[in-house]
């Protein structure tokens, strides 16, 4: 490798060192200081990133779970909470202004999700909103049927250039290598789309998934999100797109100090930053009580 080719790599490493050794601790201090003096908005409500990990945005709480797959420093998490516990969220009724979750619920088995959606509705204050984004199974399925291999480029490791493996890796990672491409083609050709998705996620061992929570084990489309929102009481639901939330507080790309990509901590500071080209976005607002 030439010396000139090394320069971009050196610059990238230096930027990462600054971000994680200086900027992240500074953001953590800023967030903690802000919370010490003003833990809520003017009406006494909080804002929560579900599955946010090291989400260090001032005024926000991060709810996530320390595990072997995500060995977070627990002191950085405001709420160390397991979404598969079946327990109520650690927030009072009507106490949350916003819930946000980015590429998290595809890691949660479907059987736990109705409870999670019910908790969103219980905890939100009237007029509060939940914004969710995750891999879009509609887009993935259509790309697979159209032979669009470029769509799955992000999953080249799990898919290894095989479209059937890449498709399965997006929503049922645990069965990659345990089911043949021919079996995937047969099922996709003979089953309704959603029945196919349910069947594949049902094949994933729940016991294995407990030790591999970084894997995907659920599928999502806007239609499924809308149904689940309605089932728990939401009626103001919108099919959204990246950085197009109805609420100013849910729009930011995570850049620091206006310096563009030089100091952009993406998921640590921003919203809608994870793989927008393959994601679905849905936003639901809790109405006033009758």
C-alpha atoms as a PDB file:
ATOM      1  CA  UNK A   1       0.000   0.000   0.000  1.00  0.00           C
ATOM      2  CA  UNK A   2       1.363   3.432  -0.932  1.00  0.00           C
ATOM      3  CA  UNK A   3       1.958   6.136   1.656  1.00  0.00           C
ATOM      4  CA  UNK A   4      -0.743   8.298   0.051  1.00  0.00           C
ATOM      5  CA  UNK A   5      -3.245   5.433   0.331  1.00  0.00           C
ATOM      6  CA  UNK A   6      -2.527   5.218   4.050  1.00  0.00           C
ATOM      7  CA  UNK A   7      -3.442   8.850   4.724  1.00  0.00           C
ATOM      8  CA  UNK A   8      -7.253   8.393   4.645  1.00  0.00           C
ATOM      9  CA  UNK A   9      -6.982   5.377   6.965  1.00  0.00           C
ATOM     10  CA  UNK A  10      -4.813   7.301   9.408  1.00  0.00           C
ATOM     11  CA  UNK A  11      -7.265  10.190   9.345  1.00  0.00           C
ATOM     12  CA  UNK A  12     -10.189   7.867   9.980  1.00  0.00           C
ATOM     13  CA  UNK A  13      -8.433   6.210  12.919  1.00  0.00           C
ATOM     14  CA  UNK A  14      -7.562   9.565  14.451  1.00  0.00           C
ATOM     15  CA  UNK A  15     -11.171  10.714  14.083  1.00  0.00           C
ATOM     16  CA  UNK A  16     -12.462   7.534  15.751  1.00  0.00           C
ATOM     17  CA  UNK A  17      -9.992   7.944  18.613  1.00  0.00           C
ATOM     18  CA  UNK A  18     -11.133  11.531  19.173  1.00  0.00           C
ATOM     19  CA  UNK A  19     -14.812  10.560  18.950  1.00  0.00           C
ATOM     20  CA  UNK A  20     -14.634   7.651  21.377  1.00  0.00           C
ATOM     21  CA  UNK A  21     -11.963   8.903  23.777  1.00  0.00           C
ATOM     22  CA  UNK A  22     -12.977  12.551  23.951  1.00  0.00           C
ATOM     23  CA  UNK A  23     -16.285  13.334  22.249  1.00  0.00           C
ATOM     24  CA  UNK A  24     -18.283  10.424  23.705  1.00  0.00           C
ATOM     25  CA  UNK A  25     -17.224  11.109  27.320  1.00  0.00           C
ATOM     26  CA  UNK A  26     -17.970  14.807  26.774  1.00  0.00           C
ATOM     27  CA  UNK A  27     -21.438  13.985  25.443  1.00  0.00           C
ATOM     28  CA  UNK A  28     -22.026  11.633  28.361  1.00  0.00           C
ATOM     29  CA  UNK A  29     -21.073  14.381  30.834  1.00  0.00           C
ATOM     30  CA  UNK A  30     -23.289  16.871  28.946  1.00  0.00           C
ATOM     31  CA  UNK A  31     -26.237  14.504  29.055  1.00  0.00           C
ATOM     32  CA  UNK A  32     -25.791  13.678  32.744  1.00  0.00           C
ATOM     33  CA  UNK A  33     -25.392  17.351  33.671  1.00  0.00           C
ATOM     34  CA  UNK A  34     -28.503  18.282  31.732  1.00  0.00           C
ATOM     35  CA  UNK A  35     -30.494  15.527  33.405  1.00  0.00           C
ATOM     36  CA  UNK A  36     -29.328  16.591  36.827  1.00  0.00           C
ATOM     37  CA  UNK A  37     -30.877  20.025  36.342  1.00  0.00           C
ATOM     38  CA  UNK A  38     -33.708  19.263  33.921  1.00  0.00           C
ATOM     39  CA  UNK A  39     -34.755  15.630  33.627  1.00  0.00           C
ATOM     40  CA  UNK A  40     -38.003  16.389  31.814  1.00  0.00           C
ATOM     41  CA  UNK A  41     -39.571  18.780  29.380  1.00  0.00           C
ATOM     42  CA  UNK A  42     -41.590  21.736  30.633  1.00  0.00           C
ATOM     43  CA  UNK A  43     -44.641  19.523  31.215  1.00  0.00           C
ATOM     44  CA  UNK A  44     -42.764  16.919  33.233  1.00  0.00           C
ATOM     45  CA  UNK A  45     -42.376  14.341  30.442  1.00  0.00           C
ATOM     46  CA  UNK A  46     -39.301  12.370  29.413  1.00  0.00           C
ATOM     47  CA  UNK A  47     -37.967  11.169  26.029  1.00  0.00           C
ATOM     48  CA  UNK A  48     -36.748   7.572  25.611  1.00  0.00           C
ATOM     49  CA  UNK A  49     -34.672   5.790  22.966  1.00  0.00           C
ATOM     50  CA  UNK A  50     -35.629   2.090  23.126  1.00  0.00           C
ATOM     51  CA  UNK A  51     -32.675  -0.082  22.184  1.00  0.00           C
ATOM     52  CA  UNK A  52     -30.580   3.063  22.003  1.00  0.00           C
ATOM     53  CA  UNK A  53     -27.392   1.683  23.566  1.00  0.00           C
ATOM     54  CA  UNK A  54     -24.919   4.533  23.922  1.00  0.00           C
ATOM     55  CA  UNK A  55     -27.445   7.201  22.935  1.00  0.00           C
ATOM     56  CA  UNK A  56     -25.942  10.334  24.428  1.00  0.00           C
ATOM     57  CA  UNK A  57     -28.325  13.015  23.242  1.00  0.00           C
ATOM     58  CA  UNK A  58     -29.047  15.660  25.850  1.00  0.00           C
ATOM     59  CA  UNK A  59     -32.508  15.344  27.384  1.00  0.00           C
ATOM     60  CA  UNK A  60     -32.983  11.723  26.313  1.00  0.00           C
ATOM     61  CA  UNK A  61     -32.910   8.476  28.255  1.00  0.00           C
ATOM     62  CA  UNK A  62     -31.527   5.271  26.744  1.00  0.00           C
ATOM     63  CA  UNK A  63     -33.374   2.033  27.493  1.00  0.00           C
ATOM     64  CA  UNK A  64     -31.350  -1.040  26.524  1.00  0.00           C
ATOM     65  CA  UNK A  65     -30.126  -4.317  27.974  1.00  0.00           C
ATOM     66  CA  UNK A  66     -26.594  -5.408  28.833  1.00  0.00           C
ATOM     67  CA  UNK A  67     -25.987  -8.869  27.361  1.00  0.00           C
ATOM     68  CA  UNK A  68     -23.229 -10.984  25.843  1.00  0.00           C
ATOM     69  CA  UNK A  69     -24.203  -9.652  22.412  1.00  0.00           C
ATOM     70  CA  UNK A  70     -24.369  -6.041  23.608  1.00  0.00           C
ATOM     71  CA  UNK A  71     -21.918  -5.663  26.515  1.00  0.00           C
ATOM     72  CA  UNK A  72     -22.729  -2.039  27.166  1.00  0.00           C
ATOM     73  CA  UNK A  73     -21.176  -0.175  30.052  1.00  0.00           C
ATOM     74  CA  UNK A  74     -24.281  -0.195  32.246  1.00  0.00           C
ATOM     75  CA  UNK A  75     -23.518   3.227  33.712  1.00  0.00           C
ATOM     76  CA  UNK A  76     -24.062   4.689  30.211  1.00  0.00           C
ATOM     77  CA  UNK A  77     -27.570   3.196  30.072  1.00  0.00           C
ATOM     78  CA  UNK A  78     -30.307   5.116  31.835  1.00  0.00           C
ATOM     79  CA  UNK A  79     -32.485   1.992  31.981  1.00  0.00           C
ATOM     80  CA  UNK A  80     -30.957  -1.493  31.822  1.00  0.00           C
ATOM     81  CA  UNK A  81     -34.159  -3.258  30.768  1.00  0.00           C
ATOM     82  CA  UNK A  82     -34.831  -6.521  28.916  1.00  0.00           C
ATOM     83  CA  UNK A  83     -37.577  -6.087  26.287  1.00  0.00           C
ATOM     84  CA  UNK A  84     -38.225  -9.848  26.418  1.00  0.00           C
ATOM     85  CA  UNK A  85     -38.914  -9.850  30.163  1.00  0.00           C
ATOM     86  CA  UNK A  86     -42.641  -9.182  29.825  1.00  0.00           C
ATOM     87  CA  UNK A  87     -42.318  -6.628  32.616  1.00  0.00           C
ATOM     88  CA  UNK A  88     -43.826  -3.128  32.449  1.00  0.00           C
ATOM     89  CA  UNK A  89     -41.511  -0.395  31.219  1.00  0.00           C
ATOM     90  CA  UNK A  90     -39.938   1.494  34.147  1.00  0.00           C
ATOM     91  CA  UNK A  91     -42.024   4.610  33.428  1.00  0.00           C
ATOM     92  CA  UNK A  92     -45.300   5.856  34.855  1.00  0.00           C
ATOM     93  CA  UNK A  93     -48.514   6.150  32.843  1.00  0.00           C
ATOM     94  CA  UNK A  94     -48.623   9.240  30.587  1.00  0.00           C
ATOM     95  CA  UNK A  95     -45.047  10.196  31.518  1.00  0.00           C
ATOM     96  CA  UNK A  96     -43.212   9.967  28.171  1.00  0.00           C
ATOM     97  CA  UNK A  97     -43.239  12.660  25.485  1.00  0.00           C
ATOM     98  CA  UNK A  98     -41.422  10.600  22.825  1.00  0.00           C
ATOM     99  CA  UNK A  99     -40.363   7.017  22.292  1.00  0.00           C
ATOM    100  CA  UNK A 100     -37.882   6.407  19.495  1.00  0.00           C
ATOM    101  CA  UNK A 101     -36.416   3.090  18.343  1.00  0.00           C
ATOM    102  CA  UNK A 102     -34.031   2.488  15.457  1.00  0.00           C
ATOM    103  CA  UNK A 103     -33.197  -1.013  14.199  1.00  0.00           C
ATOM    104  CA  UNK A 104     -33.952  -2.688  17.523  1.00  0.00           C
ATOM    105  CA  UNK A 105     -37.302  -4.514  17.326  1.00  0.00           C
ATOM    106  CA  UNK A 106     -36.100  -6.838  14.554  1.00  0.00           C
ATOM    107  CA  UNK A 107     -33.991  -8.411  17.329  1.00  0.00           C
ATOM    108  CA  UNK A 108     -37.080  -9.128  19.475  1.00  0.00           C
ATOM    109  CA  UNK A 109     -39.230 -12.257  18.900  1.00  0.00           C
ATOM    110  CA  UNK A 110     -42.765 -11.395  17.801  1.00  0.00           C
ATOM    111  CA  UNK A 111     -44.380 -12.951  20.862  1.00  0.00           C
ATOM    112  CA  UNK A 112     -42.976 -10.117  23.024  1.00  0.00           C
ATOM    113  CA  UNK A 113     -43.913  -7.253  20.692  1.00  0.00           C
ATOM    114  CA  UNK A 114     -47.644  -6.821  21.494  1.00  0.00           C
ATOM    115  CA  UNK A 115     -46.661  -6.125  25.104  1.00  0.00           C
ATOM    116  CA  UNK A 116     -43.997  -3.644  23.984  1.00  0.00           C
ATOM    117  CA  UNK A 117     -46.484  -1.753  21.807  1.00  0.00           C
ATOM    118  CA  UNK A 118     -48.993  -1.712  24.663  1.00  0.00           C
ATOM    119  CA  UNK A 119     -46.313  -0.222  26.903  1.00  0.00           C
ATOM    120  CA  UNK A 120     -45.604   2.490  24.333  1.00  0.00           C
ATOM    121  CA  UNK A 121     -49.258   3.494  24.500  1.00  0.00           C
ATOM    122  CA  UNK A 122     -49.527   3.250  28.305  1.00  0.00           C
ATOM    123  CA  UNK A 123     -46.447   5.347  28.989  1.00  0.00           C
ATOM    124  CA  UNK A 124     -46.991   8.056  26.375  1.00  0.00           C
ATOM    125  CA  UNK A 125     -48.674  11.268  27.418  1.00  0.00           C
ATOM    126  CA  UNK A 126     -51.639  12.359  25.260  1.00  0.00           C
ATOM    127  CA  UNK A 127     -50.143  14.027  22.204  1.00  0.00           C
ATOM    128  CA  UNK A 128     -46.902  12.092  22.662  1.00  0.00           C
ATOM    129  CA  UNK A 129     -45.455  10.051  19.812  1.00  0.00           C
ATOM    130  CA  UNK A 130     -43.540   6.869  19.101  1.00  0.00           C
ATOM    131  CA  UNK A 131     -41.309   6.707  16.028  1.00  0.00           C
ATOM    132  CA  UNK A 132     -39.966   3.335  14.872  1.00  0.00           C
ATOM    133  CA  UNK A 133     -37.608   2.332  12.091  1.00  0.00           C
ATOM    134  CA  UNK A 134     -36.343  -1.127  11.183  1.00  0.00           C
ATOM    135  CA  UNK A 135     -35.439  -3.187   8.095  1.00  0.00           C
ATOM    136  CA  UNK A 136     -38.379  -3.165   5.677  1.00  0.00           C
ATOM    137  CA  UNK A 137     -39.403  -6.712   4.745  1.00  0.00           C
ATOM    138  CA  UNK A 138     -41.540  -5.403   1.885  1.00  0.00           C
ATOM    139  CA  UNK A 139     -38.479  -3.798   0.283  1.00  0.00           C
ATOM    140  CA  UNK A 140     -36.315  -6.863   0.907  1.00  0.00           C
ATOM    141  CA  UNK A 141     -38.859  -9.302  -0.482  1.00  0.00           C
ATOM    142  CA  UNK A 142     -39.451  -7.211  -3.609  1.00  0.00           C
ATOM    143  CA  UNK A 143     -35.696  -6.814  -4.139  1.00  0.00           C
ATOM    144  CA  UNK A 144     -35.250 -10.569  -3.822  1.00  0.00           C
ATOM    145  CA  UNK A 145     -38.057 -11.285  -6.287  1.00  0.00           C
ATOM    146  CA  UNK A 146     -36.573  -8.750  -8.711  1.00  0.00           C
ATOM    147  CA  UNK A 147     -33.053 -10.186  -8.407  1.00  0.00           C
ATOM    148  CA  UNK A 148     -31.675  -6.920  -7.034  1.00  0.00           C
ATOM    149  CA  UNK A 149     -28.485  -8.138  -5.374  1.00  0.00           C
ATOM    150  CA  UNK A 150     -27.253  -4.610  -4.705  1.00  0.00           C
ATOM    151  CA  UNK A 151     -30.064  -4.088  -2.191  1.00  0.00           C
ATOM    152  CA  UNK A 152     -28.510  -6.803   0.009  1.00  0.00           C
ATOM    153  CA  UNK A 153     -24.951  -5.501  -0.176  1.00  0.00           C
ATOM    154  CA  UNK A 154     -25.039  -4.674   3.540  1.00  0.00           C
ATOM    155  CA  UNK A 155     -25.623  -8.356   4.297  1.00  0.00           C
ATOM    156  CA  UNK A 156     -22.855  -9.755   2.087  1.00  0.00           C
ATOM    157  CA  UNK A 157     -21.185 -11.445   5.082  1.00  0.00           C
ATOM    158  CA  UNK A 158     -24.185 -13.504   6.122  1.00  0.00           C
ATOM    159  CA  UNK A 159     -25.473 -13.848   2.574  1.00  0.00           C
ATOM    160  CA  UNK A 160     -22.101 -14.629   0.967  1.00  0.00           C
ATOM    161  CA  UNK A 161     -23.470 -13.545  -2.400  1.00  0.00           C
ATOM    162  CA  UNK A 162     -26.458 -15.916  -2.260  1.00  0.00           C
ATOM    163  CA  UNK A 163     -29.726 -13.904  -2.493  1.00  0.00           C
ATOM    164  CA  UNK A 164     -31.709 -16.444  -0.457  1.00  0.00           C
ATOM    165  CA  UNK A 165     -29.171 -16.305   2.385  1.00  0.00           C
ATOM    166  CA  UNK A 166     -29.070 -12.514   2.300  1.00  0.00           C
ATOM    167  CA  UNK A 167     -32.867 -12.303   2.436  1.00  0.00           C
ATOM    168  CA  UNK A 168     -33.089 -14.691   5.401  1.00  0.00           C
ATOM    169  CA  UNK A 169     -30.248 -12.881   7.185  1.00  0.00           C
ATOM    170  CA  UNK A 170     -32.374  -9.719   7.245  1.00  0.00           C
ATOM    171  CA  UNK A 171     -35.157 -11.168   9.386  1.00  0.00           C
ATOM    172  CA  UNK A 172     -34.315 -14.723  10.516  1.00  0.00           C
ATOM    173  CA  UNK A 173     -30.531 -14.746  10.911  1.00  0.00           C
ATOM    174  CA  UNK A 174     -30.508 -17.826  13.122  1.00  0.00           C
ATOM    175  CA  UNK A 175     -31.480 -20.175  10.290  1.00  0.00           C
ATOM    176  CA  UNK A 176     -28.843 -18.983   7.817  1.00  0.00           C
ATOM    177  CA  UNK A 177     -26.890 -22.104   6.929  1.00  0.00           C
ATOM    178  CA  UNK A 178     -29.594 -24.345   8.399  1.00  0.00           C
ATOM    179  CA  UNK A 179     -31.939 -24.009   5.452  1.00  0.00           C
ATOM    180  CA  UNK A 180     -30.919 -24.376   1.810  1.00  0.00           C
ATOM    181  CA  UNK A 181     -31.401 -21.739  -0.890  1.00  0.00           C
ATOM    182  CA  UNK A 182     -33.644 -24.226  -2.681  1.00  0.00           C
ATOM    183  CA  UNK A 183     -35.884 -24.501   0.382  1.00  0.00           C
ATOM    184  CA  UNK A 184     -36.080 -20.715   0.605  1.00  0.00           C
ATOM    185  CA  UNK A 185     -37.030 -20.450  -3.076  1.00  0.00           C
ATOM    186  CA  UNK A 186     -39.695 -23.150  -2.678  1.00  0.00           C
ATOM    187  CA  UNK A 187     -41.246 -21.481   0.367  1.00  0.00           C
ATOM    188  CA  UNK A 188     -41.118 -17.994  -1.114  1.00  0.00           C
ATOM    189  CA  UNK A 189     -42.774 -19.313  -4.256  1.00  0.00           C
ATOM    190  CA  UNK A 190     -45.519 -21.311  -2.568  1.00  0.00           C
ATOM    191  CA  UNK A 191     -46.428 -19.202   0.473  1.00  0.00           C
ATOM    192  CA  UNK A 192     -48.074 -15.848   0.972  1.00  0.00           C
ATOM    193  CA  UNK A 193     -45.396 -13.253   1.731  1.00  0.00           C
ATOM    194  CA  UNK A 194     -46.304 -12.766   5.375  1.00  0.00           C
ATOM    195  CA  UNK A 195     -46.861 -16.498   5.932  1.00  0.00           C
ATOM    196  CA  UNK A 196     -43.379 -17.087   4.514  1.00  0.00           C
ATOM    197  CA  UNK A 197     -41.902 -14.502   6.880  1.00  0.00           C
ATOM    198  CA  UNK A 198     -43.745 -15.923   9.906  1.00  0.00           C
ATOM    199  CA  UNK A 199     -42.685 -19.467   9.016  1.00  0.00           C
ATOM    200  CA  UNK A 200     -39.001 -18.536   8.746  1.00  0.00           C
ATOM    201  CA  UNK A 201     -38.903 -16.559  12.002  1.00  0.00           C
ATOM    202  CA  UNK A 202     -40.742 -19.436  13.680  1.00  0.00           C
ATOM    203  CA  UNK A 203     -37.904 -21.772  12.717  1.00  0.00           C
ATOM    204  CA  UNK A 204     -35.372 -19.769  14.725  1.00  0.00           C
ATOM    205  CA  UNK A 205     -34.505 -21.414  18.043  1.00  0.00           C
ATOM    206  CA  UNK A 206     -35.538 -19.081  20.852  1.00  0.00           C
ATOM    207  CA  UNK A 207     -32.936 -20.643  23.141  1.00  0.00           C
ATOM    208  CA  UNK A 208     -30.161 -19.985  20.632  1.00  0.00           C
ATOM    209  CA  UNK A 209     -31.389 -16.448  20.122  1.00  0.00           C
ATOM    210  CA  UNK A 210     -31.024 -15.687  23.828  1.00  0.00           C
ATOM    211  CA  UNK A 211     -27.264 -16.104  23.333  1.00  0.00           C
ATOM    212  CA  UNK A 212     -27.197 -14.313  19.975  1.00  0.00           C
ATOM    213  CA  UNK A 213     -29.305 -11.215  20.446  1.00  0.00           C
ATOM    214  CA  UNK A 214     -27.446  -9.442  17.703  1.00  0.00           C
ATOM    215  CA  UNK A 215     -29.280 -11.669  15.226  1.00  0.00           C
ATOM    216  CA  UNK A 216     -32.548 -10.670  13.584  1.00  0.00           C
ATOM    217  CA  UNK A 217     -35.617 -12.705  14.522  1.00  0.00           C
ATOM    218  CA  UNK A 218     -38.558 -10.584  13.368  1.00  0.00           C
ATOM    219  CA  UNK A 219     -39.893  -9.005  10.186  1.00  0.00           C
ATOM    220  CA  UNK A 220     -41.535  -5.624   9.814  1.00  0.00           C
ATOM    221  CA  UNK A 221     -43.518  -3.764   7.177  1.00  0.00           C
ATOM    222  CA  UNK A 222     -45.527  -0.579   7.430  1.00  0.00           C
ATOM    223  CA  UNK A 223     -48.729  -2.628   7.236  1.00  0.00           C
ATOM    224  CA  UNK A 224     -47.689  -4.766  10.199  1.00  0.00           C
ATOM    225  CA  UNK A 225     -46.628  -1.729  12.211  1.00  0.00           C
ATOM    226  CA  UNK A 226     -49.930   0.014  11.516  1.00  0.00           C
ATOM    227  CA  UNK A 227     -51.922  -3.051  12.606  1.00  0.00           C
ATOM    228  CA  UNK A 228     -49.990  -3.377  15.840  1.00  0.00           C
ATOM    229  CA  UNK A 229     -50.306   0.322  16.623  1.00  0.00           C
ATOM    230  CA  UNK A 230     -54.077   0.185  16.103  1.00  0.00           C
ATOM    231  CA  UNK A 231     -54.444  -2.934  18.254  1.00  0.00           C
ATOM    232  CA  UNK A 232     -53.140  -1.081  21.312  1.00  0.00           C
ATOM    233  CA  UNK A 233     -55.166   2.106  20.789  1.00  0.00           C
ATOM    234  CA  UNK A 234     -53.276   4.402  18.412  1.00  0.00           C
ATOM    235  CA  UNK A 235     -55.299   5.901  15.570  1.00  0.00           C
ATOM    236  CA  UNK A 236     -53.035   8.741  14.350  1.00  0.00           C
ATOM    237  CA  UNK A 237     -50.444   6.695  12.432  1.00  0.00           C
ATOM    238  CA  UNK A 238     -48.228   7.850   9.591  1.00  0.00           C
ATOM    239  CA  UNK A 239     -45.972   6.127   7.060  1.00  0.00           C
ATOM    240  CA  UNK A 240     -42.865   8.289   7.295  1.00  0.00           C
ATOM    241  CA  UNK A 241     -39.431   8.540   5.659  1.00  0.00           C
ATOM    242  CA  UNK A 242     -35.879   9.332   6.878  1.00  0.00           C
ATOM    243  CA  UNK A 243     -35.583  12.632   8.784  1.00  0.00           C
ATOM    244  CA  UNK A 244     -39.209  13.486   8.046  1.00  0.00           C
ATOM    245  CA  UNK A 245     -40.723  13.205  11.521  1.00  0.00           C
ATOM    246  CA  UNK A 246     -43.599  15.524  12.339  1.00  0.00           C
ATOM    247  CA  UNK A 247     -41.671  16.556  15.467  1.00  0.00           C
ATOM    248  CA  UNK A 248     -38.549  18.714  15.559  1.00  0.00           C
ATOM    249  CA  UNK A 249     -37.202  16.733  18.511  1.00  0.00           C
ATOM    250  CA  UNK A 250     -37.041  13.584  16.341  1.00  0.00           C
ATOM    251  CA  UNK A 251     -35.060  15.089  13.467  1.00  0.00           C
ATOM    252  CA  UNK A 252     -31.253  15.181  13.559  1.00  0.00           C
ATOM    253  CA  UNK A 253     -28.497  13.393  11.643  1.00  0.00           C
ATOM    254  CA  UNK A 254     -26.181  13.347  14.660  1.00  0.00           C
ATOM    255  CA  UNK A 255     -23.547  15.765  13.425  1.00  0.00           C
ATOM    256  CA  UNK A 256     -21.568  17.612  16.074  1.00  0.00           C
ATOM    257  CA  UNK A 257     -21.042  21.391  16.161  1.00  0.00           C
ATOM    258  CA  UNK A 258     -22.091  21.790  12.535  1.00  0.00           C
ATOM    259  CA  UNK A 259     -18.898  20.087  11.365  1.00  0.00           C
ATOM    260  CA  UNK A 260     -20.633  17.681   8.978  1.00  0.00           C
ATOM    261  CA  UNK A 261     -19.141  14.199   8.768  1.00  0.00           C
ATOM    262  CA  UNK A 262     -15.979  15.197  10.607  1.00  0.00           C
ATOM    263  CA  UNK A 263     -17.692  14.599  13.945  1.00  0.00           C
ATOM    264  CA  UNK A 264     -20.878  12.704  13.147  1.00  0.00           C
ATOM    265  CA  UNK A 265     -21.693  10.134  15.789  1.00  0.00           C
ATOM    266  CA  UNK A 266     -24.737   8.902  13.881  1.00  0.00           C
ATOM    267  CA  UNK A 267     -26.683   6.552  16.168  1.00  0.00           C
ATOM    268  CA  UNK A 268     -25.060   7.981  19.307  1.00  0.00           C
ATOM    269  CA  UNK A 269     -26.569  11.416  18.631  1.00  0.00           C
ATOM    270  CA  UNK A 270     -28.934  11.250  15.669  1.00  0.00           C
ATOM    271  CA  UNK A 271     -32.166   9.785  14.351  1.00  0.00           C
ATOM    272  CA  UNK A 272     -32.926   7.728  11.223  1.00  0.00           C
ATOM    273  CA  UNK A 273     -29.244   7.121  10.463  1.00  0.00           C
ATOM    274  CA  UNK A 274     -29.119   3.307  10.153  1.00  0.00           C
ATOM    275  CA  UNK A 275     -29.443   1.966   6.582  1.00  0.00           C
ATOM    276  CA  UNK A 276     -32.225   4.336   5.470  1.00  0.00           C
ATOM    277  CA  UNK A 277     -32.400   2.802   1.987  1.00  0.00           C
ATOM    278  CA  UNK A 278     -33.646  -0.522   3.378  1.00  0.00           C
ATOM    279  CA  UNK A 279     -35.717   0.740   6.311  1.00  0.00           C
ATOM    280  CA  UNK A 280     -39.383   1.366   7.045  1.00  0.00           C
ATOM    281  CA  UNK A 281     -40.430   4.354   9.177  1.00  0.00           C
ATOM    282  CA  UNK A 282     -43.685   4.657  11.100  1.00  0.00           C
ATOM    283  CA  UNK A 283     -44.847   7.269  13.576  1.00  0.00           C
ATOM    284  CA  UNK A 284     -47.884   7.071  15.869  1.00  0.00           C
ATOM    285  CA  UNK A 285     -49.332   9.775  18.115  1.00  0.00           C
ATOM    286  CA  UNK A 286     -51.372   9.040  21.218  1.00  0.00           C
ATOM    287  CA  UNK A 287     -54.682  10.865  21.205  1.00  0.00           C
ATOM    288  CA  UNK A 288     -56.389  12.488  24.136  1.00  0.00           C
ATOM    289  CA  UNK A 289     -58.347  10.151  26.367  1.00  0.00           C
ATOM    290  CA  UNK A 290     -62.123  10.084  25.592  1.00  0.00           C
END
